[in-house]
C-alpha atoms as a PDB file:
ATOM      1  CA  MET A   1      -0.037  -0.046   0.015  1.00  0.00           C
ATOM      2  CA  LYS A   2       1.441   3.281  -1.117  1.00  0.00           C
ATOM      3  CA  LEU A   3       1.790   6.023   1.606  1.00  0.00           C
ATOM      4  CA  LEU A   4       1.121   9.536   0.605  1.00  0.00           C
ATOM      5  CA  THR A   5       3.430  12.183   1.471  1.00  0.00           C
ATOM      6  CA  ALA A   6       2.539  15.236   3.454  1.00  0.00           C
ATOM      7  CA  LYS A   7       2.542  17.279   0.338  1.00  0.00           C
ATOM      8  CA  GLU A   8       0.374  14.875  -1.659  1.00  0.00           C
ATOM      9  CA  ARG A   9      -2.068  14.653   1.413  1.00  0.00           C
ATOM     10  CA  HIS A  10      -2.305  18.363   1.481  1.00  0.00           C
ATOM     11  CA  THR A  11      -3.011  18.562  -2.112  1.00  0.00           C
ATOM     12  CA  LYS A  12      -5.674  15.910  -2.029  1.00  0.00           C
ATOM     13  CA  SER A  13      -7.296  17.589   0.877  1.00  0.00           C
ATOM     14  CA  GLY A  14      -7.421  20.975  -0.905  1.00  0.00           C
ATOM     15  CA  HIS A  15      -8.876  19.206  -4.000  1.00  0.00           C
ATOM     16  CA  SER A  16     -11.693  17.655  -1.895  1.00  0.00           C
ATOM     17  CA  ILE A  17     -12.427  21.070  -0.343  1.00  0.00           C
ATOM     18  CA  SER A  18     -12.590  22.700  -3.779  1.00  0.00           C
ATOM     19  CA  LEU A  19     -14.929  19.937  -5.047  1.00  0.00           C
ATOM     20  CA  VAL A  20     -17.268  20.416  -1.986  1.00  0.00           C
ATOM     21  CA  TRP A  21     -17.245  24.208  -2.395  1.00  0.00           C
ATOM     22  CA  LYS A  22     -17.994  23.735  -6.172  1.00  0.00           C
ATOM     23  CA  ARG A  23     -20.914  21.525  -5.414  1.00  0.00           C
ATOM     24  CA  PHE A  24     -22.099  23.807  -2.718  1.00  0.00           C
ATOM     25  CA  ARG A  25     -22.232  26.774  -5.192  1.00  0.00           C
ATOM     26  CA  GLN A  26     -24.073  24.667  -7.682  1.00  0.00           C
ATOM     27  CA  GLN A  27     -26.671  23.719  -5.043  1.00  0.00           C
ATOM     28  CA  LYS A  28     -26.844  27.149  -3.401  1.00  0.00           C
ATOM     29  CA  TYR A  29     -30.625  27.429  -3.549  1.00  0.00           C
ATOM     30  CA  MET A  30     -31.253  23.954  -2.330  1.00  0.00           C
ATOM     31  CA  GLN A  31     -28.599  24.560   0.412  1.00  0.00           C
ATOM     32  CA  LEU A  32     -30.408  27.827   1.298  1.00  0.00           C
ATOM     33  CA  PHE A  33     -33.603  25.794   2.002  1.00  0.00           C
ATOM     34  CA  VAL A  34     -31.740  23.255   3.997  1.00  0.00           C
ATOM     35  CA  TRP A  35     -29.982  25.771   6.135  1.00  0.00           C
ATOM     36  CA  LEU A  36     -33.045  27.725   6.774  1.00  0.00           C
ATOM     37  CA  GLY A  37     -34.823  24.652   8.121  1.00  0.00           C
ATOM     38  CA  LEU A  38     -31.757  23.850  10.238  1.00  0.00           C
ATOM     39  CA  VAL A  39     -31.750  27.244  11.745  1.00  0.00           C
ATOM     40  CA  SER A  40     -35.516  27.133  12.370  1.00  0.00           C
ATOM     41  CA  LEU A  41     -35.087  23.634  13.972  1.00  0.00           C
ATOM     42  CA  PHE A  42     -32.189  25.083  16.312  1.00  0.00           C
ATOM     43  CA  VAL A  43     -34.167  28.191  17.276  1.00  0.00           C
ATOM     44  CA  PHE A  44     -37.554  26.631  17.840  1.00  0.00           C
ATOM     45  CA  HIS A  45     -36.571  23.196  19.185  1.00  0.00           C
ATOM     46  CA  TYR A  46     -33.131  23.248  20.541  1.00  0.00           C
ATOM     47  CA  LEU A  47     -32.758  26.728  22.165  1.00  0.00           C
ATOM     48  CA  PRO A  48     -35.992  26.194  24.261  1.00  0.00           C
ATOM     49  CA  MET A  49     -34.523  23.146  25.686  1.00  0.00           C
ATOM     50  CA  PHE A  50     -32.803  25.429  28.288  1.00  0.00           C
ATOM     51  CA  GLY A  51     -36.318  25.890  29.654  1.00  0.00           C
ATOM     52  CA  ILE A  52     -36.064  22.289  30.941  1.00  0.00           C
ATOM     53  CA  LEU A  53     -33.946  23.509  33.821  1.00  0.00           C
ATOM     54  CA  ILE A  54     -36.937  25.178  35.525  1.00  0.00           C
ATOM     55  CA  ALA A  55     -38.331  21.649  36.331  1.00  0.00           C
ATOM     56  CA  PHE A  56     -35.510  21.468  38.908  1.00  0.00           C
ATOM     57  CA  LYS A  57     -35.838  25.075  40.028  1.00  0.00           C
ATOM     58  CA  ASN A  58     -38.157  27.257  42.072  1.00  0.00           C
ATOM     59  CA  TYR A  59     -38.891  29.415  39.006  1.00  0.00           C
ATOM     60  CA  LYS A  60     -41.009  32.493  39.008  1.00  0.00           C
ATOM     61  CA  ILE A  61     -42.132  34.124  35.761  1.00  0.00           C
ATOM     62  CA  ALA A  62     -41.212  37.567  37.154  1.00  0.00           C
ATOM     63  CA  SER A  63     -37.645  36.645  37.087  1.00  0.00           C
ATOM     64  CA  GLY A  64     -37.854  36.424  33.239  1.00  0.00           C
ATOM     65  CA  ILE A  65     -35.315  34.465  31.188  1.00  0.00           C
ATOM     66  CA  SER A  66     -32.397  35.165  33.413  1.00  0.00           C
ATOM     67  CA  GLY A  67     -34.398  33.255  36.136  1.00  0.00           C
ATOM     68  CA  ILE A  68     -33.937  30.039  34.349  1.00  0.00           C
ATOM     69  CA  PHE A  69     -30.370  30.082  35.587  1.00  0.00           C
ATOM     70  CA  THR A  70     -30.592  32.115  38.663  1.00  0.00           C
ATOM     71  CA  SER A  71     -33.589  30.625  40.455  1.00  0.00           C
ATOM     72  CA  GLU A  72     -33.225  28.509  43.511  1.00  0.00           C
ATOM     73  CA  TRP A  73     -32.296  24.812  42.810  1.00  0.00           C
ATOM     74  CA  VAL A  74     -34.865  22.430  44.232  1.00  0.00           C
ATOM     75  CA  GLY A  75     -33.942  19.171  42.641  1.00  0.00           C
ATOM     76  CA  LEU A  76     -36.739  16.569  42.312  1.00  0.00           C
ATOM     77  CA  LYS A  77     -39.161  18.446  44.425  1.00  0.00           C
ATOM     78  CA  TYR A  78     -41.863  18.929  41.649  1.00  0.00           C
ATOM     79  CA  PHE A  79     -41.516  15.458  40.499  1.00  0.00           C
ATOM     80  CA  LYS A  80     -42.191  14.048  43.927  1.00  0.00           C
ATOM     81  CA  GLU A  81     -45.111  16.370  44.271  1.00  0.00           C
ATOM     82  CA  PHE A  82     -46.817  15.294  41.164  1.00  0.00           C
ATOM     83  CA  VAL A  83     -46.256  11.439  41.951  1.00  0.00           C
ATOM     84  CA  ASN A  84     -47.795  12.048  45.342  1.00  0.00           C
ATOM     85  CA  SER A  85     -50.628  14.196  44.174  1.00  0.00           C
ATOM     86  CA  TYR A  86     -54.141  12.961  44.808  1.00  0.00           C
ATOM     87  CA  ASN A  87     -55.156  12.620  41.134  1.00  0.00           C
ATOM     88  CA  PHE A  88     -51.918  11.129  39.892  1.00  0.00           C
ATOM     89  CA  ASN A  89     -53.329   7.763  39.470  1.00  0.00           C
ATOM     90  CA  THR A  90     -56.503   9.027  37.531  1.00  0.00           C
ATOM     91  CA  ILE A  91     -54.354  11.249  35.201  1.00  0.00           C
ATOM     92  CA  VAL A  92     -51.856   8.372  34.393  1.00  0.00           C
ATOM     93  CA  ALA A  93     -54.592   5.882  33.890  1.00  0.00           C
ATOM     94  CA  ASN A  94     -56.413   8.179  31.510  1.00  0.00           C
ATOM     95  CA  THR A  95     -53.307   9.049  29.533  1.00  0.00           C
ATOM     96  CA  LEU A  96     -52.268   5.286  29.229  1.00  0.00           C
ATOM     97  CA  GLY A  97     -55.750   4.129  28.519  1.00  0.00           C
ATOM     98  CA  ILE A  98     -56.429   6.441  25.702  1.00  0.00           C
ATOM     99  CA  SER A  99     -52.974   5.948  24.237  1.00  0.00           C
ATOM    100  CA  PHE A 100     -52.996   2.216  24.264  1.00  0.00           C
ATOM    101  CA  LEU A 101     -56.528   2.042  22.926  1.00  0.00           C
ATOM    102  CA  LYS A 102     -55.375   4.283  19.986  1.00  0.00           C
ATOM    103  CA  LEU A 103     -52.397   2.047  19.369  1.00  0.00           C
ATOM    104  CA  ILE A 104     -54.446  -1.109  19.353  1.00  0.00           C
ATOM    105  CA  PHE A 105     -57.148   0.256  17.045  1.00  0.00           C
ATOM    106  CA  ALA A 106     -55.393   2.903  14.938  1.00  0.00           C
ATOM    107  CA  PHE A 107     -52.306   0.949  13.913  1.00  0.00           C
ATOM    108  CA  PRO A 108     -53.983  -1.960  12.037  1.00  0.00           C
ATOM    109  CA  VAL A 109     -56.609   0.245  10.248  1.00  0.00           C
ATOM    110  CA  PRO A 110     -54.223   2.059   7.861  1.00  0.00           C
ATOM    111  CA  ILE A 111     -52.777  -1.343   6.932  1.00  0.00           C
ATOM    112  CA  LEU A 112     -56.218  -2.966   6.341  1.00  0.00           C
ATOM    113  CA  LEU A 113     -57.311   0.092   4.436  1.00  0.00           C
ATOM    114  CA  ALA A 114     -54.118   0.119   2.196  1.00  0.00           C
ATOM    115  CA  LEU A 115     -54.549  -3.630   1.555  1.00  0.00           C
ATOM    116  CA  MET A 116     -58.255  -3.120   0.458  1.00  0.00           C
ATOM    117  CA  LEU A 117     -57.382  -0.176  -1.789  1.00  0.00           C
ATOM    118  CA  ASN A 118     -54.470  -2.134  -3.302  1.00  0.00           C
ATOM    119  CA  GLU A 119     -56.864  -4.908  -4.426  1.00  0.00           C
ATOM    120  CA  LEU A 120     -59.132  -2.436  -6.082  1.00  0.00           C
ATOM    121  CA  LYS A 121     -58.744  -1.732  -9.749  1.00  0.00           C
ATOM    122  CA  ASP A 122     -57.522   1.838 -10.489  1.00  0.00           C
ATOM    123  CA  GLY A 123     -60.604   3.912 -11.213  1.00  0.00           C
ATOM    124  CA  LEU A 124     -62.944   6.565  -9.965  1.00  0.00           C
ATOM    125  CA  PHE A 125     -64.202   4.534  -7.065  1.00  0.00           C
ATOM    126  CA  LYS A 126     -60.603   3.835  -5.753  1.00  0.00           C
ATOM    127  CA  ARG A 127     -59.545   7.554  -6.084  1.00  0.00           C
ATOM    128  CA  ALA A 128     -62.776   8.643  -4.399  1.00  0.00           C
ATOM    129  CA  VAL A 129     -62.090   6.321  -1.365  1.00  0.00           C
ATOM    130  CA  GLN A 130     -58.563   7.527  -1.152  1.00  0.00           C
ATOM    131  CA  THR A 131     -59.425  11.125  -1.226  1.00  0.00           C
ATOM    132  CA  ALA A 132     -62.291  10.763   1.316  1.00  0.00           C
ATOM    133  CA  SER A 133     -60.147   8.694   3.691  1.00  0.00           C
ATOM    134  CA  TYR A 134     -57.306  11.285   3.966  1.00  0.00           C
ATOM    135  CA  LEU A 135     -59.166  14.582   3.752  1.00  0.00           C
ATOM    136  CA  PRO A 136     -60.012  14.518   7.385  1.00  0.00           C
ATOM    137  CA  HIS A 137     -56.312  14.760   8.199  1.00  0.00           C
ATOM    138  CA  PHE A 138     -56.431  18.390   6.906  1.00  0.00           C
ATOM    139  CA  ILE A 139     -59.283  19.239   9.274  1.00  0.00           C
ATOM    140  CA  SER A 140     -58.241  20.957  12.555  1.00  0.00           C
ATOM    141  CA  TRP A 141     -59.301  19.256  15.809  1.00  0.00           C
ATOM    142  CA  VAL A 142     -61.216  22.515  16.758  1.00  0.00           C
ATOM    143  CA  VAL A 143     -63.449  21.758  13.695  1.00  0.00           C
ATOM    144  CA  VAL A 144     -63.581  18.051  14.555  1.00  0.00           C
ATOM    145  CA  ALA A 145     -64.838  19.007  18.013  1.00  0.00           C
ATOM    146  CA  GLY A 146     -67.450  21.187  16.545  1.00  0.00           C
ATOM    147  CA  LEU A 147     -68.709  18.447  14.285  1.00  0.00           C
ATOM    148  CA  ALA A 148     -68.786  16.054  17.127  1.00  0.00           C
ATOM    149  CA  SER A 149     -70.996  18.473  19.031  1.00  0.00           C
ATOM    150  CA  VAL A 150     -73.307  18.661  16.048  1.00  0.00           C
ATOM    151  CA  PHE A 151     -73.574  15.051  15.365  1.00  0.00           C
ATOM    152  CA  LEU A 152     -73.250  13.437  18.902  1.00  0.00           C
ATOM    153  CA  SER A 153     -75.199  16.092  20.937  1.00  0.00           C
ATOM    154  CA  GLU A 154     -77.507  14.479  23.385  1.00  0.00           C
ATOM    155  CA  ASN A 155     -80.467  16.723  22.697  1.00  0.00           C
ATOM    156  CA  SER A 156     -80.245  17.606  18.970  1.00  0.00           C
ATOM    157  CA  GLY A 157     -77.443  15.404  17.609  1.00  0.00           C
ATOM    158  CA  ILE A 158     -77.973  13.893  14.219  1.00  0.00           C
ATOM    159  CA  PHE A 159     -76.587  10.414  15.228  1.00  0.00           C
ATOM    160  CA  ASN A 160     -78.860  10.169  18.306  1.00  0.00           C
ATOM    161  CA  ASN A 161     -81.943  11.267  16.354  1.00  0.00           C
ATOM    162  CA  LEU A 162     -80.996   8.703  13.695  1.00  0.00           C
ATOM    163  CA  LEU A 163     -80.644   5.830  16.155  1.00  0.00           C
ATOM    164  CA  MET A 164     -83.882   6.852  17.812  1.00  0.00           C
ATOM    165  CA  GLY A 165     -85.690   7.184  14.499  1.00  0.00           C
ATOM    166  CA  LEU A 166     -84.645   3.598  13.669  1.00  0.00           C
ATOM    167  CA  GLY A 167     -85.840   2.360  16.991  1.00  0.00           C
ATOM    168  CA  LEU A 168     -82.278   1.106  18.160  1.00  0.00           C
ATOM    169  CA  ILE A 169     -82.314   3.221  21.114  1.00  0.00           C
ATOM    170  CA  ARG A 170     -85.037   4.698  23.529  1.00  0.00           C
ATOM    171  CA  GLU A 171     -83.114   7.467  25.119  1.00  0.00           C
ATOM    172  CA  PRO A 172     -80.280   9.582  23.667  1.00  0.00           C
ATOM    173  CA  ILE A 173     -76.726   8.635  24.348  1.00  0.00           C
ATOM    174  CA  ALA A 174     -74.582  11.178  26.275  1.00  0.00           C
ATOM    175  CA  PHE A 175     -71.624  10.774  23.947  1.00  0.00           C
ATOM    176  CA  LEU A 176     -70.097  14.235  25.138  1.00  0.00           C
ATOM    177  CA  SER A 177     -70.909  14.286  28.691  1.00  0.00           C
ATOM    178  CA  GLU A 178     -70.920  10.647  30.008  1.00  0.00           C
ATOM    179  CA  PRO A 179     -67.315   9.934  31.342  1.00  0.00           C
ATOM    180  CA  GLY A 180     -67.489   6.269  30.341  1.00  0.00           C
ATOM    181  CA  ASN A 181     -67.870   7.207  26.642  1.00  0.00           C
ATOM    182  CA  PHE A 182     -64.917   9.618  26.419  1.00  0.00           C
ATOM    183  CA  TRP A 183     -62.314   7.150  25.653  1.00  0.00           C
ATOM    184  CA  GLY A 184     -64.313   5.635  22.819  1.00  0.00           C
ATOM    185  CA  LEU A 185     -65.123   9.147  21.567  1.00  0.00           C
ATOM    186  CA  ALA A 186     -61.436   9.996  21.506  1.00  0.00           C
ATOM    187  CA  VAL A 187     -60.331   6.751  19.729  1.00  0.00           C
ATOM    188  CA  GLY A 188     -63.152   6.749  17.218  1.00  0.00           C
ATOM    189  CA  THR A 189     -62.543  10.358  16.228  1.00  0.00           C
ATOM    190  CA  ALA A 190     -58.810  10.000  16.003  1.00  0.00           C
ATOM    191  CA  VAL A 191     -59.044   6.815  13.870  1.00  0.00           C
ATOM    192  CA  TRP A 192     -61.562   8.510  11.535  1.00  0.00           C
ATOM    193  CA  LYS A 193     -59.357  11.703  11.244  1.00  0.00           C
ATOM    194  CA  GLU A 194     -55.811  10.195  10.760  1.00  0.00           C
ATOM    195  CA  SER A 195     -56.168   6.654   9.348  1.00  0.00           C
ATOM    196  CA  GLY A 196     -56.366   7.654   5.651  1.00  0.00           C
ATOM    197  CA  TRP A 197     -53.205   9.784   5.894  1.00  0.00           C
ATOM    198  CA  TRP A 198     -51.147   6.857   7.233  1.00  0.00           C
ATOM    199  CA  THR A 199     -52.757   4.711   4.563  1.00  0.00           C
ATOM    200  CA  ILE A 200     -50.700   6.719   2.068  1.00  0.00           C
ATOM    201  CA  ILE A 201     -47.381   5.611   3.717  1.00  0.00           C
ATOM    202  CA  PHE A 202     -48.439   1.868   3.525  1.00  0.00           C
ATOM    203  CA  LEU A 203     -49.844   2.149  -0.167  1.00  0.00           C
ATOM    204  CA  ALA A 204     -46.315   3.570  -1.087  1.00  0.00           C
ATOM    205  CA  ALA A 205     -44.752   0.518   0.523  1.00  0.00           C
ATOM    206  CA  VAL A 206     -47.072  -1.799  -1.350  1.00  0.00           C
ATOM    207  CA  SER A 207     -46.398  -0.093  -4.647  1.00  0.00           C
ATOM    208  CA  GLY A 208     -42.584  -0.882  -4.035  1.00  0.00           C
ATOM    209  CA  ILE A 209     -43.215  -4.671  -4.085  1.00  0.00           C
ATOM    210  CA  SER A 210     -42.174  -6.426  -7.289  1.00  0.00           C
ATOM    211  CA  PRO A 211     -45.144  -7.325  -9.538  1.00  0.00           C
ATOM    212  CA  ALA A 212     -42.984 -10.510 -10.400  1.00  0.00           C
ATOM    213  CA  LEU A 213     -43.635 -11.713  -6.778  1.00  0.00           C
ATOM    214  CA  TYR A 214     -47.325 -11.616  -7.360  1.00  0.00           C
ATOM    215  CA  GLU A 215     -47.106 -13.387 -10.841  1.00  0.00           C
ATOM    216  CA  ALA A 216     -44.976 -16.197  -9.272  1.00  0.00           C
ATOM    217  CA  ALA A 217     -47.511 -16.506  -6.429  1.00  0.00           C
ATOM    218  CA  HIS A 218     -50.351 -16.554  -8.833  1.00  0.00           C
ATOM    219  CA  ILE A 219     -48.635 -19.428 -11.140  1.00  0.00           C
ATOM    220  CA  ASP A 220     -48.074 -21.387  -7.887  1.00  0.00           C
ATOM    221  CA  GLY A 221     -51.841 -21.411  -7.368  1.00  0.00           C
ATOM    222  CA  ALA A 222     -52.082 -18.808  -4.544  1.00  0.00           C
ATOM    223  CA  GLY A 223     -55.368 -17.040  -4.389  1.00  0.00           C
ATOM    224  CA  ARG A 224     -55.841 -13.370  -3.463  1.00  0.00           C
ATOM    225  CA  LEU A 225     -55.786 -13.880   0.269  1.00  0.00           C
ATOM    226  CA  ARG A 226     -52.721 -16.070  -0.016  1.00  0.00           C
ATOM    227  CA  ARG A 227     -50.942 -13.348  -2.092  1.00  0.00           C
ATOM    228  CA  ILE A 228     -51.716 -10.811   0.496  1.00  0.00           C
ATOM    229  CA  TRP A 229     -50.491 -13.047   3.354  1.00  0.00           C
ATOM    230  CA  HIS A 230     -47.301 -14.346   1.708  1.00  0.00           C
ATOM    231  CA  VAL A 231     -46.409 -11.471  -0.559  1.00  0.00           C
ATOM    232  CA  THR A 232     -47.990  -8.102   0.399  1.00  0.00           C
ATOM    233  CA  LEU A 233     -47.698  -8.302   4.217  1.00  0.00           C
ATOM    234  CA  PRO A 234     -44.034  -9.457   4.255  1.00  0.00           C
ATOM    235  CA  GLY A 235     -43.373  -6.794   1.589  1.00  0.00           C
ATOM    236  CA  ILE A 236     -44.493  -3.990   3.867  1.00  0.00           C
ATOM    237  CA  ARG A 237     -43.126  -5.432   7.151  1.00  0.00           C
ATOM    238  CA  SER A 238     -40.093  -3.040   7.471  1.00  0.00           C
ATOM    239  CA  THR A 239     -42.346  -0.037   6.897  1.00  0.00           C
ATOM    240  CA  ALA A 240     -45.043  -1.330   9.462  1.00  0.00           C
ATOM    241  CA  ILE A 241     -42.103  -1.793  12.017  1.00  0.00           C
ATOM    242  CA  VAL A 242     -40.823   1.629  11.640  1.00  0.00           C
ATOM    243  CA  VAL A 243     -44.465   3.022  11.932  1.00  0.00           C
ATOM    244  CA  LEU A 244     -44.999   0.982  15.031  1.00  0.00           C
ATOM    245  CA  ILE A 245     -41.827   2.175  16.716  1.00  0.00           C
ATOM    246  CA  LEU A 246     -42.790   5.748  15.898  1.00  0.00           C
ATOM    247  CA  ALA A 247     -46.279   5.179  17.309  1.00  0.00           C
ATOM    248  CA  ILE A 248     -44.966   3.626  20.527  1.00  0.00           C
ATOM    249  CA  GLY A 249     -42.457   6.394  20.970  1.00  0.00           C
ATOM    250  CA  SER A 250     -45.110   9.056  20.828  1.00  0.00           C
ATOM    251  CA  LEU A 251     -47.674   6.830  22.685  1.00  0.00           C
ATOM    252  CA  LEU A 252     -48.307   9.357  25.568  1.00  0.00           C
ATOM    253  CA  GLY A 253     -48.924  12.212  23.006  1.00  0.00           C
ATOM    254  CA  GLY A 254     -51.377  10.185  20.912  1.00  0.00           C
ATOM    255  CA  GLY A 255     -49.216   7.993  18.651  1.00  0.00           C
ATOM    256  CA  LEU A 256     -50.348   7.763  15.107  1.00  0.00           C
ATOM    257  CA  VAL A 257     -53.526   9.470  15.235  1.00  0.00           C
ATOM    258  CA  GLY A 258     -52.799  12.977  16.575  1.00  0.00           C
ATOM    259  CA  SER A 259     -52.719  14.745  19.734  1.00  0.00           C
ATOM    260  CA  ASN A 260     -54.300  13.502  22.869  1.00  0.00           C
ATOM    261  CA  PHE A 261     -54.076  17.100  24.157  1.00  0.00           C
ATOM    262  CA  GLU A 262     -56.244  18.543  21.727  1.00  0.00           C
ATOM    263  CA  GLN A 263     -58.863  16.055  21.984  1.00  0.00           C
ATOM    264  CA  ALA A 264     -58.979  16.098  25.786  1.00  0.00           C
ATOM    265  CA  PHE A 265     -58.859  19.772  25.851  1.00  0.00           C
ATOM    266  CA  LEU A 266     -61.618  20.334  23.262  1.00  0.00           C
ATOM    267  CA  LEU A 267     -63.874  17.297  23.975  1.00  0.00           C
ATOM    268  CA  GLY A 268     -63.192  17.199  27.736  1.00  0.00           C
ATOM    269  CA  ASN A 269     -65.498  19.013  30.153  1.00  0.00           C
ATOM    270  CA  ALA A 270     -66.195  19.240  33.746  1.00  0.00           C
ATOM    271  CA  VAL A 271     -68.722  16.408  33.553  1.00  0.00           C
ATOM    272  CA  ASN A 272     -66.394  13.842  31.958  1.00  0.00           C
ATOM    273  CA  ALA A 273     -63.129  15.172  33.608  1.00  0.00           C
ATOM    274  CA  ASP A 274     -62.653  11.826  35.454  1.00  0.00           C
ATOM    275  CA  LYS A 275     -62.005  10.201  32.107  1.00  0.00           C
ATOM    276  CA  SER A 276     -60.607  13.176  29.964  1.00  0.00           C
ATOM    277  CA  GLU A 277     -58.077  14.567  32.148  1.00  0.00           C
ATOM    278  CA  ILE A 278     -54.538  13.712  30.936  1.00  0.00           C
ATOM    279  CA  LEU A 279     -50.934  14.602  31.468  1.00  0.00           C
ATOM    280  CA  GLN A 280     -50.873  17.243  28.872  1.00  0.00           C
ATOM    281  CA  THR A 281     -54.071  18.972  29.830  1.00  0.00           C
ATOM    282  CA  TYR A 282     -53.270  18.910  33.556  1.00  0.00           C
ATOM    283  CA  ALA A 283     -49.764  20.370  32.928  1.00  0.00           C
ATOM    284  CA  PHE A 284     -51.345  23.027  30.623  1.00  0.00           C
ATOM    285  CA  LYS A 285     -54.096  24.166  33.171  1.00  0.00           C
ATOM    286  CA  VAL A 286     -51.623  24.058  36.179  1.00  0.00           C
ATOM    287  CA  GLY A 287     -48.961  25.904  34.462  1.00  0.00           C
ATOM    288  CA  LEU A 288     -51.133  28.674  32.980  1.00  0.00           C
ATOM    289  CA  SER A 289     -53.966  29.104  35.396  1.00  0.00           C
ATOM    290  CA  GLN A 290     -51.844  28.817  38.539  1.00  0.00           C
ATOM    291  CA  GLY A 291     -48.552  30.056  37.256  1.00  0.00           C
ATOM    292  CA  ARG A 292     -46.663  26.909  38.521  1.00  0.00           C
ATOM    293  CA  TYR A 293     -44.271  26.690  35.513  1.00  0.00           C
ATOM    294  CA  SER A 294     -41.774  24.593  37.166  1.00  0.00           C
ATOM    295  CA  PHE A 295     -44.411  22.015  38.244  1.00  0.00           C
ATOM    296  CA  ALA A 296     -45.849  21.969  34.605  1.00  0.00           C
ATOM    297  CA  THR A 297     -42.346  21.592  33.162  1.00  0.00           C
ATOM    298  CA  ALA A 298     -41.661  18.586  35.498  1.00  0.00           C
ATOM    299  CA  ILE A 299     -44.805  16.845  34.386  1.00  0.00           C
ATOM    300  CA  ASP A 300     -43.878  17.381  30.621  1.00  0.00           C
ATOM    301  CA  LEU A 301     -40.294  16.348  31.190  1.00  0.00           C
ATOM    302  CA  LEU A 302     -41.329  13.295  32.836  1.00  0.00           C
ATOM    303  CA  GLN A 303     -43.572  12.377  29.890  1.00  0.00           C
ATOM    304  CA  ALA A 304     -40.761  13.204  27.397  1.00  0.00           C
ATOM    305  CA  VAL A 305     -38.353  10.780  29.384  1.00  0.00           C
ATOM    306  CA  ILE A 306     -40.738   8.081  29.184  1.00  0.00           C
ATOM    307  CA  SER A 307     -41.290   8.556  25.561  1.00  0.00           C
ATOM    308  CA  VAL A 308     -37.592   8.369  24.857  1.00  0.00           C
ATOM    309  CA  ILE A 309     -37.420   5.055  26.877  1.00  0.00           C
ATOM    310  CA  LEU A 310     -40.365   3.745  24.834  1.00  0.00           C
ATOM    311  CA  ILE A 311     -38.831   4.445  21.487  1.00  0.00           C
ATOM    312  CA  PHE A 312     -35.416   3.088  22.440  1.00  0.00           C
ATOM    313  CA  GLY A 313     -37.002  -0.024  24.037  1.00  0.00           C
ATOM    314  CA  SER A 314     -39.426  -0.763  21.197  1.00  0.00           C
ATOM    315  CA  ASN A 315     -36.578  -0.432  18.690  1.00  0.00           C
ATOM    316  CA  TRP A 316     -34.386  -2.643  20.689  1.00  0.00           C
ATOM    317  CA  ILE A 317     -36.969  -5.410  20.933  1.00  0.00           C
ATOM    318  CA  SER A 318     -37.727  -5.040  17.289  1.00  0.00           C
ATOM    319  CA  LYS A 319     -34.085  -5.370  16.343  1.00  0.00           C
ATOM    320  CA  LYS A 320     -33.755  -8.484  18.542  1.00  0.00           C
ATOM    321  CA  THR A 321     -36.989 -10.183  17.210  1.00  0.00           C
ATOM    322  CA  THR A 322     -37.284  -9.072  13.567  1.00  0.00           C
ATOM    323  CA  LYS A 323     -33.773  -7.807  12.795  1.00  0.00           C
ATOM    324  CA  SER A 324     -35.283  -4.558  11.600  1.00  0.00           C
ATOM    325  CA  GLY A 325     -35.715  -1.354  13.411  1.00  0.00           C
ATOM    326  CA  LEU A 326     -35.767   2.449  13.225  1.00  0.00           C
ATOM    327  CA  PHE A 327     -32.105   2.933  13.907  1.00  0.00           C
END
């Protein structure tokens, strides 16, 4: 192996830098977009992380930004206070209950919808179903909450009127005010709103499967269900695993199907609070209404730490069991 002299190494290094700079100038507009994104990410996502310090300090809003560094250090005081609070069990149970139900029901739905759409012949009906399924993703939760009030109201809701008109129920169902109905309401509206959007991801994965595999399976006598089981599902397995890991990592925030906070804040009320109060809404209310910013930050930080553990843990399990993971 020939060793380069110091002069040759310097020349080669200078040539490499020249090539990089030349490519940078050729891509200057694309580089501009990338660097604007990186600056935005740094300013709005990394700089605010200094605020995490107030979870361990007796911070008062009157002390301003400097108070983040100068306030009295209290360690794990607010974490212990939250864990020992009277409503800790209820809040954690609601957060985990809604999140796990969303994972159980929301994760398979986009896969099933993608499989069904893939079996349809390309035409007007298929395009209409695709469009109708992912359009709700672009509707804000504020509008969804308004629609839920119109359709599910106990007194004048269209859904209750329809069920009573068909003779299926004798009295209106209190979808919005009965605590026992809130989890189902949250999961149902979330699945309706976001399933079509995630279906696009799985449809893209299905389109990447070689048609030769389907042709070979058909020649071997495999029917439609057999082709789905032995060709389509294995073909999208890696995509499904990545999506599942992401869903588990963001489990406490709502997983695949949007924000638990927005649903609980907009659809929750004083009547169903026993089932709708979750970590995010509790931290939001305590932080703003009572001005306990350190306490609210401690709650959010605890949730973030758990989410990091979940995503690393689920990725580790996936790598051990399926040899595939997110990283």
